[in-house]
Amino acid sequence: MKNPFAMILMSAAIFGLTGQAMAATAEAKATYKAANESASADYKIAHAKCNNLKDNPKDVCIAEAKAARTVIEANANAQYKDTLAARTTAAKDIADANYDVEKEKCGSQSGNAKDVCIKTAKANKVIAVSDAKADKKVIDARVDANEDKNTAEYKVALEKCDAATGAAKDACVTSAKKHFGK
């Protein structure tokens, strides 16, 4: 991304996506609600500042205000839900918001420069969405691989228990089940 605003938004998104999420407790609900209220208040202030502008600069200003709100709300939702799907959705929502900002910035241009600007904005969105999907697939694959490894190691541990008899075998099996969460 070429513009600093979009880079800041993506940095915030990445930080929010990689931060440790809270469990769905009363504190998490309060944090989620506070983040959304803050986003709404910040949006109203930023939008009010846009009223002094005209034409394309006003459109860009409004798009930036909406994008900032989207980043906060999407990250808050991802932290609150604490799921990979929620994080992926947040990344996609942020990519959409960044696209809207970049597209509005293209409005001040004309001809081929505008066409190139819009294509670049679309490309940046596709890249961000693709990265979010790829990250989800990588994480899903790692989870599956870890489950497969755990199952294989559990089977080896049980096989080792077959060498024992009686109470020693029972203790070995119990220990294996406890160790591998079975």
N, C-alpha and C. Protein backbone atom coordinates (compact mmCIF):
# COMPACT_ATOMS: atom_id res chain seq x y z
N MET A 1 0.83 -1.17 0.00
CA MET A 1 0.00 0.00 0.00
C MET A 1 0.88 1.24 0.00
N LYS A 2 0.46 2.18 -0.78
CA LYS A 2 1.28 3.36 -0.95
C LYS A 2 0.95 4.47 0.03
N ASN A 3 -0.29 4.53 0.50
CA ASN A 3 -0.62 5.67 1.36
C ASN A 3 -0.46 5.30 2.83
N PRO A 4 0.01 6.25 3.62
CA PRO A 4 0.29 5.97 5.02
C PRO A 4 -0.96 5.65 5.83
N PHE A 5 -2.09 6.23 5.49
CA PHE A 5 -3.32 5.97 6.24
C PHE A 5 -3.69 4.49 6.15
N ALA A 6 -3.64 3.93 4.94
CA ALA A 6 -3.97 2.52 4.75
C ALA A 6 -2.97 1.63 5.47
N MET A 7 -1.71 2.04 5.48
CA MET A 7 -0.70 1.24 6.17
C MET A 7 -0.95 1.26 7.67
N ILE A 8 -1.36 2.39 8.20
CA ILE A 8 -1.67 2.48 9.63
C ILE A 8 -2.86 1.60 9.96
N LEU A 9 -3.89 1.64 9.12
CA LEU A 9 -5.07 0.81 9.36
C LEU A 9 -4.71 -0.67 9.33
N MET A 10 -3.90 -1.07 8.35
CA MET A 10 -3.53 -2.48 8.26
C MET A 10 -2.66 -2.88 9.45
N SER A 11 -1.78 -2.00 9.88
CA SER A 11 -0.96 -2.29 11.05
C SER A 11 -1.84 -2.49 12.28
N ALA A 12 -2.83 -1.64 12.42
CA ALA A 12 -3.76 -1.78 13.54
C ALA A 12 -4.53 -3.09 13.44
N ALA A 13 -4.90 -3.44 12.23
CA ALA A 13 -5.63 -4.69 12.02
C ALA A 13 -4.76 -5.89 12.37
N ILE A 14 -3.53 -5.87 11.89
CA ILE A 14 -2.63 -6.98 12.17
C ILE A 14 -2.38 -7.09 13.66
N PHE A 15 -2.14 -5.95 14.32
CA PHE A 15 -1.93 -5.96 15.75
C PHE A 15 -3.16 -6.53 16.46
N GLY A 16 -4.32 -6.09 16.04
CA GLY A 16 -5.56 -6.57 16.66
C GLY A 16 -5.78 -8.05 16.41
N LEU A 17 -5.40 -8.54 15.23
CA LEU A 17 -5.60 -9.94 14.90
C LEU A 17 -4.61 -10.84 15.60
N THR A 18 -3.43 -10.32 15.91
CA THR A 18 -2.45 -11.17 16.54
C THR A 18 -2.44 -11.03 18.05
N GLY A 19 -3.15 -10.05 18.57
CA GLY A 19 -3.20 -9.86 20.01
C GLY A 19 -3.97 -10.98 20.66
N GLN A 20 -3.72 -11.17 21.93
CA GLN A 20 -4.42 -12.23 22.64
C GLN A 20 -5.85 -11.80 22.92
N ALA A 21 -6.79 -12.60 22.47
CA ALA A 21 -8.20 -12.28 22.64
C ALA A 21 -8.68 -12.72 24.01
N MET A 22 -9.70 -12.01 24.48
CA MET A 22 -10.27 -12.32 25.79
C MET A 22 -11.41 -13.33 25.64
N ALA A 23 -11.64 -14.08 26.68
CA ALA A 23 -12.77 -14.99 26.68
C ALA A 23 -14.05 -14.17 26.81
N ALA A 24 -15.17 -14.79 26.47
CA ALA A 24 -16.45 -14.08 26.50
C ALA A 24 -16.94 -13.95 27.95
N THR A 25 -16.35 -13.04 28.66
CA THR A 25 -16.73 -12.79 30.05
C THR A 25 -17.45 -11.45 30.11
N ALA A 26 -17.88 -11.10 31.29
CA ALA A 26 -18.53 -9.80 31.47
C ALA A 26 -17.54 -8.68 31.14
N GLU A 27 -16.28 -8.89 31.51
CA GLU A 27 -15.25 -7.90 31.19
C GLU A 27 -15.05 -7.78 29.68
N ALA A 28 -15.06 -8.91 28.98
CA ALA A 28 -14.89 -8.89 27.53
C ALA A 28 -16.07 -8.18 26.86
N LYS A 29 -17.28 -8.43 27.38
CA LYS A 29 -18.46 -7.77 26.83
C LYS A 29 -18.38 -6.26 27.04
N ALA A 30 -17.93 -5.87 28.22
CA ALA A 30 -17.79 -4.44 28.51
C ALA A 30 -16.73 -3.80 27.62
N THR A 31 -15.63 -4.50 27.40
CA THR A 31 -14.57 -4.00 26.53
C THR A 31 -15.07 -3.87 25.10
N TYR A 32 -15.80 -4.87 24.66
CA TYR A 32 -16.37 -4.86 23.30
C TYR A 32 -17.33 -3.68 23.14
N LYS A 33 -18.21 -3.51 24.11
CA LYS A 33 -19.18 -2.42 24.05
C LYS A 33 -18.47 -1.07 24.09
N ALA A 34 -17.47 -0.94 24.93
CA ALA A 34 -16.73 0.33 25.04
C ALA A 34 -16.00 0.65 23.73
N ALA A 35 -15.44 -0.37 23.10
CA ALA A 35 -14.73 -0.15 21.83
C ALA A 35 -15.69 0.33 20.76
N ASN A 36 -16.87 -0.27 20.71
CA ASN A 36 -17.86 0.14 19.71
C ASN A 36 -18.38 1.55 19.99
N GLU A 37 -18.59 1.87 21.25
CA GLU A 37 -19.03 3.23 21.59
C GLU A 37 -17.96 4.26 21.26
N SER A 38 -16.71 3.90 21.53
CA SER A 38 -15.59 4.79 21.21
C SER A 38 -15.48 4.98 19.70
N ALA A 39 -15.65 3.89 18.97
CA ALA A 39 -15.58 3.97 17.50
C ALA A 39 -16.67 4.88 16.97
N SER A 40 -17.86 4.76 17.53
CA SER A 40 -18.98 5.59 17.10
C SER A 40 -18.74 7.06 17.41
N ALA A 41 -18.24 7.33 18.61
CA ALA A 41 -17.96 8.71 19.01
C ALA A 41 -16.84 9.31 18.15
N ASP A 42 -15.78 8.52 17.93
CA ASP A 42 -14.67 9.00 17.10
C ASP A 42 -15.14 9.26 15.68
N TYR A 43 -16.02 8.40 15.18
CA TYR A 43 -16.55 8.57 13.83
C TYR A 43 -17.34 9.88 13.72
N LYS A 44 -18.18 10.14 14.71
CA LYS A 44 -18.98 11.37 14.68
C LYS A 44 -18.10 12.61 14.67
N ILE A 45 -17.04 12.58 15.46
CA ILE A 45 -16.10 13.72 15.51
C ILE A 45 -15.39 13.87 14.17
N ALA A 46 -14.88 12.76 13.64
CA ALA A 46 -14.17 12.81 12.37
C ALA A 46 -15.10 13.23 11.23
N HIS A 47 -16.32 12.73 11.25
CA HIS A 47 -17.28 13.07 10.21
C HIS A 47 -17.64 14.56 10.28
N ALA A 48 -17.75 15.08 11.48
CA ALA A 48 -18.07 16.50 11.64
C ALA A 48 -16.95 17.38 11.06
N LYS A 49 -15.70 16.93 11.20
CA LYS A 49 -14.59 17.68 10.62
C LYS A 49 -14.66 17.69 9.10
N CYS A 50 -15.27 16.67 8.53
CA CYS A 50 -15.39 16.57 7.07
C CYS A 50 -16.38 17.60 6.52
N ASN A 51 -17.28 18.07 7.35
CA ASN A 51 -18.30 19.01 6.88
C ASN A 51 -17.71 20.32 6.37
N ASN A 52 -16.50 20.64 6.80
CA ASN A 52 -15.84 21.87 6.35
C ASN A 52 -15.25 21.73 4.94
N LEU A 53 -15.21 20.50 4.45
CA LEU A 53 -14.60 20.24 3.15
C LEU A 53 -15.68 20.14 2.08
N LYS A 54 -15.24 20.15 0.81
CA LYS A 54 -16.18 20.03 -0.30
C LYS A 54 -15.66 19.01 -1.31
N ASP A 55 -16.58 18.50 -2.09
CA ASP A 55 -16.28 17.63 -3.22
C ASP A 55 -15.47 16.40 -2.81
N ASN A 56 -14.44 16.07 -3.59
CA ASN A 56 -13.67 14.85 -3.35
C ASN A 56 -12.96 14.84 -2.02
N PRO A 57 -12.34 15.93 -1.58
CA PRO A 57 -11.71 15.88 -0.26
C PRO A 57 -12.70 15.51 0.86
N LYS A 58 -13.93 15.97 0.74
CA LYS A 58 -14.95 15.62 1.73
C LYS A 58 -15.26 14.13 1.66
N ASP A 59 -15.41 13.61 0.43
CA ASP A 59 -15.68 12.17 0.26
C ASP A 59 -14.55 11.32 0.84
N VAL A 60 -13.31 11.74 0.60
CA VAL A 60 -12.16 11.02 1.13
C VAL A 60 -12.16 11.07 2.65
N CYS A 61 -12.44 12.23 3.19
CA CYS A 61 -12.49 12.42 4.65
C CYS A 61 -13.53 11.50 5.28
N ILE A 62 -14.70 11.44 4.69
CA ILE A 62 -15.77 10.58 5.21
C ILE A 62 -15.37 9.11 5.12
N ALA A 63 -14.78 8.73 3.99
CA ALA A 63 -14.35 7.34 3.82
C ALA A 63 -13.28 6.97 4.86
N GLU A 64 -12.37 7.90 5.14
CA GLU A 64 -11.34 7.66 6.16
C GLU A 64 -11.96 7.53 7.55
N ALA A 65 -12.95 8.34 7.83
CA ALA A 65 -13.64 8.25 9.13
C ALA A 65 -14.35 6.91 9.27
N LYS A 66 -15.02 6.48 8.20
CA LYS A 66 -15.71 5.19 8.22
C LYS A 66 -14.70 4.05 8.36
N ALA A 67 -13.57 4.15 7.66
CA ALA A 67 -12.55 3.11 7.73
C ALA A 67 -11.97 2.99 9.14
N ALA A 68 -11.72 4.12 9.77
CA ALA A 68 -11.20 4.10 11.14
C ALA A 68 -12.20 3.43 12.08
N ARG A 69 -13.48 3.74 11.91
CA ARG A 69 -14.52 3.11 12.72
C ARG A 69 -14.56 1.61 12.46
N THR A 70 -14.47 1.23 11.19
CA THR A 70 -14.52 -0.19 10.83
C THR A 70 -13.37 -0.96 11.45
N VAL A 71 -12.17 -0.39 11.45
CA VAL A 71 -11.01 -1.07 12.04
C VAL A 71 -11.25 -1.34 13.52
N ILE A 72 -11.71 -0.35 14.24
CA ILE A 72 -11.95 -0.52 15.67
C ILE A 72 -13.04 -1.55 15.92
N GLU A 73 -14.15 -1.42 15.21
CA GLU A 73 -15.28 -2.34 15.42
C GLU A 73 -14.93 -3.77 15.00
N ALA A 74 -14.25 -3.92 13.88
CA ALA A 74 -13.90 -5.26 13.40
C ALA A 74 -12.94 -5.95 14.36
N ASN A 75 -11.93 -5.21 14.82
CA ASN A 75 -10.99 -5.80 15.77
C ASN A 75 -11.65 -6.11 17.11
N ALA A 76 -12.54 -5.25 17.55
CA ALA A 76 -13.26 -5.51 18.81
C ALA A 76 -14.12 -6.76 18.68
N ASN A 77 -14.78 -6.90 17.55
CA ASN A 77 -15.62 -8.07 17.32
C ASN A 77 -14.77 -9.34 17.27
N ALA A 78 -13.62 -9.26 16.59
CA ALA A 78 -12.74 -10.43 16.50
C ALA A 78 -12.21 -10.83 17.87
N GLN A 79 -11.85 -9.84 18.68
CA GLN A 79 -11.37 -10.14 20.02
C GLN A 79 -12.48 -10.72 20.89
N TYR A 80 -13.67 -10.17 20.75
CA TYR A 80 -14.79 -10.63 21.57
C TYR A 80 -15.17 -12.07 21.22
N LYS A 81 -15.28 -12.35 19.92
CA LYS A 81 -15.66 -13.70 19.50
C LYS A 81 -14.52 -14.69 19.66
N ASP A 82 -13.29 -14.21 19.52
CA ASP A 82 -12.10 -15.03 19.73
C ASP A 82 -12.11 -16.30 18.87
N THR A 83 -12.43 -16.14 17.59
CA THR A 83 -12.39 -17.27 16.67
C THR A 83 -11.58 -16.89 15.44
N LEU A 84 -11.09 -17.89 14.78
CA LEU A 84 -10.35 -17.66 13.54
C LEU A 84 -11.26 -17.06 12.48
N ALA A 85 -12.49 -17.53 12.42
CA ALA A 85 -13.45 -16.98 11.45
C ALA A 85 -13.71 -15.49 11.71
N ALA A 86 -13.82 -15.11 12.96
CA ALA A 86 -14.05 -13.70 13.29
C ALA A 86 -12.85 -12.85 12.91
N ARG A 87 -11.66 -13.38 13.11
CA ARG A 87 -10.45 -12.63 12.72
C ARG A 87 -10.37 -12.48 11.21
N THR A 88 -10.73 -13.53 10.50
CA THR A 88 -10.71 -13.48 9.04
C THR A 88 -11.75 -12.48 8.54
N THR A 89 -12.93 -12.51 9.12
CA THR A 89 -13.97 -11.55 8.75
C THR A 89 -13.52 -10.12 9.02
N ALA A 90 -12.86 -9.91 10.15
CA ALA A 90 -12.35 -8.58 10.48
C ALA A 90 -11.35 -8.11 9.42
N ALA A 91 -10.45 -8.98 9.03
CA ALA A 91 -9.46 -8.61 8.02
C ALA A 91 -10.13 -8.27 6.69
N LYS A 92 -11.17 -9.01 6.34
CA LYS A 92 -11.91 -8.72 5.10
C LYS A 92 -12.65 -7.39 5.20
N ASP A 93 -13.27 -7.14 6.34
CA ASP A 93 -13.99 -5.88 6.54
C ASP A 93 -13.03 -4.69 6.46
N ILE A 94 -11.87 -4.85 7.04
CA ILE A 94 -10.87 -3.78 7.00
C ILE A 94 -10.37 -3.58 5.56
N ALA A 95 -10.20 -4.66 4.84
CA ALA A 95 -9.78 -4.55 3.43
C ALA A 95 -10.84 -3.80 2.62
N ASP A 96 -12.11 -4.08 2.88
CA ASP A 96 -13.19 -3.36 2.20
C ASP A 96 -13.15 -1.86 2.53
N ALA A 97 -12.93 -1.55 3.79
CA ALA A 97 -12.89 -0.14 4.21
C ALA A 97 -11.70 0.58 3.58
N ASN A 98 -10.56 -0.09 3.55
CA ASN A 98 -9.38 0.51 2.93
C ASN A 98 -9.61 0.72 1.43
N TYR A 99 -10.29 -0.22 0.81
CA TYR A 99 -10.61 -0.08 -0.61
C TYR A 99 -11.48 1.15 -0.84
N ASP A 100 -12.48 1.33 0.00
CA ASP A 100 -13.36 2.49 -0.14
C ASP A 100 -12.57 3.80 -0.04
N VAL A 101 -11.60 3.84 0.88
CA VAL A 101 -10.78 5.06 1.03
C VAL A 101 -9.94 5.27 -0.23
N GLU A 102 -9.28 4.21 -0.66
CA GLU A 102 -8.42 4.34 -1.84
C GLU A 102 -9.24 4.72 -3.08
N LYS A 103 -10.42 4.14 -3.20
CA LYS A 103 -11.28 4.44 -4.36
C LYS A 103 -11.71 5.90 -4.34
N GLU A 104 -12.05 6.42 -3.16
CA GLU A 104 -12.44 7.83 -3.05
C GLU A 104 -11.28 8.74 -3.42
N LYS A 105 -10.08 8.35 -3.04
CA LYS A 105 -8.91 9.15 -3.38
C LYS A 105 -8.70 9.20 -4.90
N CYS A 106 -9.17 8.19 -5.59
CA CYS A 106 -9.05 8.16 -7.05
C CYS A 106 -10.00 9.16 -7.70
N GLY A 107 -11.02 9.58 -6.98
CA GLY A 107 -12.03 10.48 -7.52
C GLY A 107 -11.49 11.83 -7.96
N SER A 108 -10.35 12.23 -7.43
CA SER A 108 -9.80 13.53 -7.80
C SER A 108 -8.99 13.44 -9.09
N GLN A 109 -8.80 12.24 -9.59
CA GLN A 109 -8.03 12.05 -10.81
C GLN A 109 -8.97 11.86 -11.99
N SER A 110 -8.40 11.83 -13.19
CA SER A 110 -9.22 11.62 -14.38
C SER A 110 -8.46 10.79 -15.39
N GLY A 111 -9.19 10.28 -16.35
CA GLY A 111 -8.59 9.53 -17.44
C GLY A 111 -7.89 8.27 -16.98
N ASN A 112 -6.76 7.99 -17.64
CA ASN A 112 -6.00 6.78 -17.36
C ASN A 112 -5.47 6.74 -15.93
N ALA A 113 -5.08 7.88 -15.41
CA ALA A 113 -4.58 7.94 -14.04
C ALA A 113 -5.65 7.45 -13.05
N LYS A 114 -6.89 7.84 -13.29
CA LYS A 114 -7.99 7.40 -12.43
C LYS A 114 -8.21 5.90 -12.58
N ASP A 115 -8.17 5.42 -13.83
CA ASP A 115 -8.34 3.98 -14.07
C ASP A 115 -7.26 3.17 -13.37
N VAL A 116 -6.03 3.62 -13.47
CA VAL A 116 -4.91 2.94 -12.81
C VAL A 116 -5.09 2.98 -11.30
N CYS A 117 -5.50 4.11 -10.79
CA CYS A 117 -5.71 4.27 -9.35
C CYS A 117 -6.78 3.29 -8.85
N ILE A 118 -7.88 3.18 -9.56
CA ILE A 118 -8.95 2.27 -9.16
C ILE A 118 -8.49 0.82 -9.25
N LYS A 119 -7.77 0.48 -10.31
CA LYS A 119 -7.25 -0.89 -10.44
C LYS A 119 -6.28 -1.20 -9.31
N THR A 120 -5.47 -0.23 -8.93
CA THR A 120 -4.54 -0.43 -7.83
C THR A 120 -5.29 -0.65 -6.52
N ALA A 121 -6.33 0.14 -6.31
CA ALA A 121 -7.16 -0.01 -5.10
C ALA A 121 -7.78 -1.40 -5.07
N LYS A 122 -8.31 -1.85 -6.20
CA LYS A 122 -8.91 -3.19 -6.27
C LYS A 122 -7.86 -4.26 -6.01
N ALA A 123 -6.68 -4.08 -6.59
CA ALA A 123 -5.61 -5.05 -6.39
C ALA A 123 -5.21 -5.14 -4.92
N ASN A 124 -5.11 -3.99 -4.26
CA ASN A 124 -4.78 -3.98 -2.83
C ASN A 124 -5.83 -4.70 -2.01
N LYS A 125 -7.10 -4.54 -2.38
CA LYS A 125 -8.18 -5.22 -1.68
C LYS A 125 -8.08 -6.73 -1.89
N VAL A 126 -7.87 -7.13 -3.14
CA VAL A 126 -7.76 -8.56 -3.45
C VAL A 126 -6.59 -9.17 -2.67
N ILE A 127 -5.48 -8.45 -2.61
CA ILE A 127 -4.31 -8.94 -1.89
C ILE A 127 -4.63 -9.12 -0.41
N ALA A 128 -5.26 -8.12 0.19
CA ALA A 128 -5.58 -8.19 1.62
C ALA A 128 -6.56 -9.32 1.93
N VAL A 129 -7.58 -9.47 1.10
CA VAL A 129 -8.56 -10.54 1.31
C VAL A 129 -7.90 -11.90 1.10
N SER A 130 -7.08 -12.00 0.06
CA SER A 130 -6.37 -13.26 -0.20
C SER A 130 -5.45 -13.63 0.95
N ASP A 131 -4.75 -12.64 1.49
CA ASP A 131 -3.88 -12.90 2.64
C ASP A 131 -4.69 -13.39 3.84
N ALA A 132 -5.84 -12.79 4.07
CA ALA A 132 -6.68 -13.22 5.20
C ALA A 132 -7.15 -14.66 5.01
N LYS A 133 -7.57 -14.98 3.79
CA LYS A 133 -8.00 -16.36 3.51
C LYS A 133 -6.84 -17.33 3.65
N ALA A 134 -5.67 -16.94 3.14
CA ALA A 134 -4.50 -17.81 3.22
C ALA A 134 -4.09 -18.03 4.68
N ASP A 135 -4.12 -16.96 5.47
CA ASP A 135 -3.79 -17.10 6.89
C ASP A 135 -4.73 -18.08 7.57
N LYS A 136 -6.00 -17.99 7.25
CA LYS A 136 -7.00 -18.90 7.83
C LYS A 136 -6.69 -20.33 7.43
N LYS A 137 -6.38 -20.54 6.15
CA LYS A 137 -6.08 -21.89 5.68
C LYS A 137 -4.81 -22.45 6.34
N VAL A 138 -3.81 -21.61 6.49
CA VAL A 138 -2.56 -22.05 7.14
C VAL A 138 -2.83 -22.45 8.59
N ILE A 139 -3.57 -21.63 9.29
CA ILE A 139 -3.88 -21.93 10.69
C ILE A 139 -4.71 -23.20 10.80
N ASP A 140 -5.72 -23.33 9.93
CA ASP A 140 -6.53 -24.55 9.93
C ASP A 140 -5.67 -25.77 9.65
N ALA A 141 -4.75 -25.67 8.70
CA ALA A 141 -3.88 -26.79 8.36
C ALA A 141 -2.97 -27.15 9.53
N ARG A 142 -2.47 -26.14 10.22
CA ARG A 142 -1.61 -26.42 11.38
C ARG A 142 -2.39 -27.09 12.50
N VAL A 143 -3.62 -26.65 12.71
CA VAL A 143 -4.45 -27.27 13.74
C VAL A 143 -4.70 -28.73 13.38
N ASP A 144 -5.05 -28.99 12.12
CA ASP A 144 -5.28 -30.37 11.67
C ASP A 144 -4.01 -31.21 11.82
N ALA A 145 -2.87 -30.65 11.44
CA ALA A 145 -1.61 -31.38 11.55
C ALA A 145 -1.29 -31.70 13.00
N ASN A 146 -1.52 -30.74 13.89
CA ASN A 146 -1.26 -30.99 15.31
C ASN A 146 -2.18 -32.06 15.87
N GLU A 147 -3.42 -32.06 15.44
CA GLU A 147 -4.35 -33.11 15.88
C GLU A 147 -3.90 -34.47 15.38
N ASP A 148 -3.46 -34.54 14.12
CA ASP A 148 -2.96 -35.80 13.56
C ASP A 148 -1.73 -36.28 14.31
N LYS A 149 -0.80 -35.36 14.61
CA LYS A 149 0.41 -35.72 15.36
C LYS A 149 0.05 -36.23 16.74
N ASN A 150 -0.87 -35.54 17.39
CA ASN A 150 -1.29 -35.93 18.74
C ASN A 150 -1.89 -37.34 18.72
N THR A 151 -2.74 -37.60 17.75
CA THR A 151 -3.37 -38.93 17.65
C THR A 151 -2.32 -40.00 17.39
N ALA A 152 -1.37 -39.72 16.51
CA ALA A 152 -0.32 -40.70 16.22
C ALA A 152 0.53 -40.97 17.46
N GLU A 153 0.92 -39.93 18.16
CA GLU A 153 1.72 -40.10 19.37
C GLU A 153 0.94 -40.84 20.46
N TYR A 154 -0.36 -40.62 20.53
CA TYR A 154 -1.22 -41.32 21.50
C TYR A 154 -1.24 -42.81 21.19
N LYS A 155 -1.36 -43.13 19.91
CA LYS A 155 -1.36 -44.55 19.52
C LYS A 155 -0.03 -45.22 19.85
N VAL A 156 1.06 -44.51 19.68
CA VAL A 156 2.38 -45.05 20.04
C VAL A 156 2.44 -45.28 21.55
N ALA A 157 1.96 -44.33 22.33
CA ALA A 157 1.98 -44.47 23.78
C ALA A 157 1.14 -45.66 24.21
N LEU A 158 -0.02 -45.86 23.59
CA LEU A 158 -0.86 -47.02 23.93
C LEU A 158 -0.17 -48.32 23.56
N GLU A 159 0.51 -48.30 22.43
CA GLU A 159 1.23 -49.50 22.00
C GLU A 159 2.32 -49.85 23.01
N LYS A 160 2.98 -48.84 23.53
CA LYS A 160 4.02 -49.07 24.55
C LYS A 160 3.41 -49.66 25.81
N CYS A 161 2.17 -49.28 26.10
CA CYS A 161 1.49 -49.79 27.30
C CYS A 161 1.19 -51.28 27.18
N ASP A 162 1.09 -51.77 25.94
CA ASP A 162 0.79 -53.19 25.74
C ASP A 162 1.88 -54.09 26.28
N ALA A 163 3.08 -53.57 26.48
CA ALA A 163 4.19 -54.36 27.03
C ALA A 163 3.97 -54.64 28.51
N ALA A 164 3.17 -53.83 29.16
CA ALA A 164 2.92 -54.00 30.60
C ALA A 164 1.66 -54.84 30.80
N THR A 165 1.44 -55.25 32.03
CA THR A 165 0.25 -56.03 32.35
C THR A 165 -0.36 -55.52 33.64
N GLY A 166 -1.64 -55.84 33.84
CA GLY A 166 -2.32 -55.54 35.08
C GLY A 166 -2.40 -54.07 35.40
N ALA A 167 -2.10 -53.76 36.67
CA ALA A 167 -2.20 -52.40 37.18
C ALA A 167 -1.20 -51.47 36.49
N ALA A 168 -0.04 -51.98 36.13
CA ALA A 168 0.97 -51.16 35.44
C ALA A 168 0.45 -50.75 34.07
N LYS A 169 -0.23 -51.65 33.38
CA LYS A 169 -0.80 -51.33 32.07
C LYS A 169 -1.91 -50.30 32.22
N ASP A 170 -2.77 -50.51 33.22
CA ASP A 170 -3.85 -49.55 33.46
C ASP A 170 -3.32 -48.16 33.77
N ALA A 171 -2.27 -48.10 34.57
CA ALA A 171 -1.66 -46.82 34.92
C ALA A 171 -1.03 -46.17 33.68
N CYS A 172 -0.42 -47.00 32.85
CA CYS A 172 0.20 -46.50 31.62
C CYS A 172 -0.87 -45.92 30.68
N VAL A 173 -1.96 -46.64 30.51
CA VAL A 173 -3.05 -46.18 29.64
C VAL A 173 -3.66 -44.90 30.19
N THR A 174 -3.89 -44.85 31.49
CA THR A 174 -4.45 -43.66 32.13
C THR A 174 -3.52 -42.47 31.93
N SER A 175 -2.24 -42.71 32.10
CA SER A 175 -1.26 -41.65 31.92
C SER A 175 -1.25 -41.16 30.47
N ALA A 176 -1.32 -42.07 29.51
CA ALA A 176 -1.32 -41.70 28.09
C ALA A 176 -2.58 -40.88 27.76
N LYS A 177 -3.72 -41.33 28.28
CA LYS A 177 -4.96 -40.59 28.02
C LYS A 177 -4.88 -39.18 28.60
N LYS A 178 -4.34 -39.08 29.79
CA LYS A 178 -4.23 -37.78 30.44
C LYS A 178 -3.26 -36.89 29.65
N HIS A 179 -2.13 -37.44 29.27
CA HIS A 179 -1.10 -36.68 28.57
C HIS A 179 -1.58 -36.18 27.21
N PHE A 180 -2.35 -37.00 26.50
CA PHE A 180 -2.78 -36.64 25.15
C PHE A 180 -4.22 -36.14 25.09
N GLY A 181 -4.82 -35.93 26.26
CA GLY A 181 -6.15 -35.32 26.31
C GLY A 181 -7.24 -36.19 25.72
N LYS A 182 -7.14 -37.46 25.92
CA LYS A 182 -8.15 -38.39 25.36
C LYS A 182 -9.08 -38.90 26.40
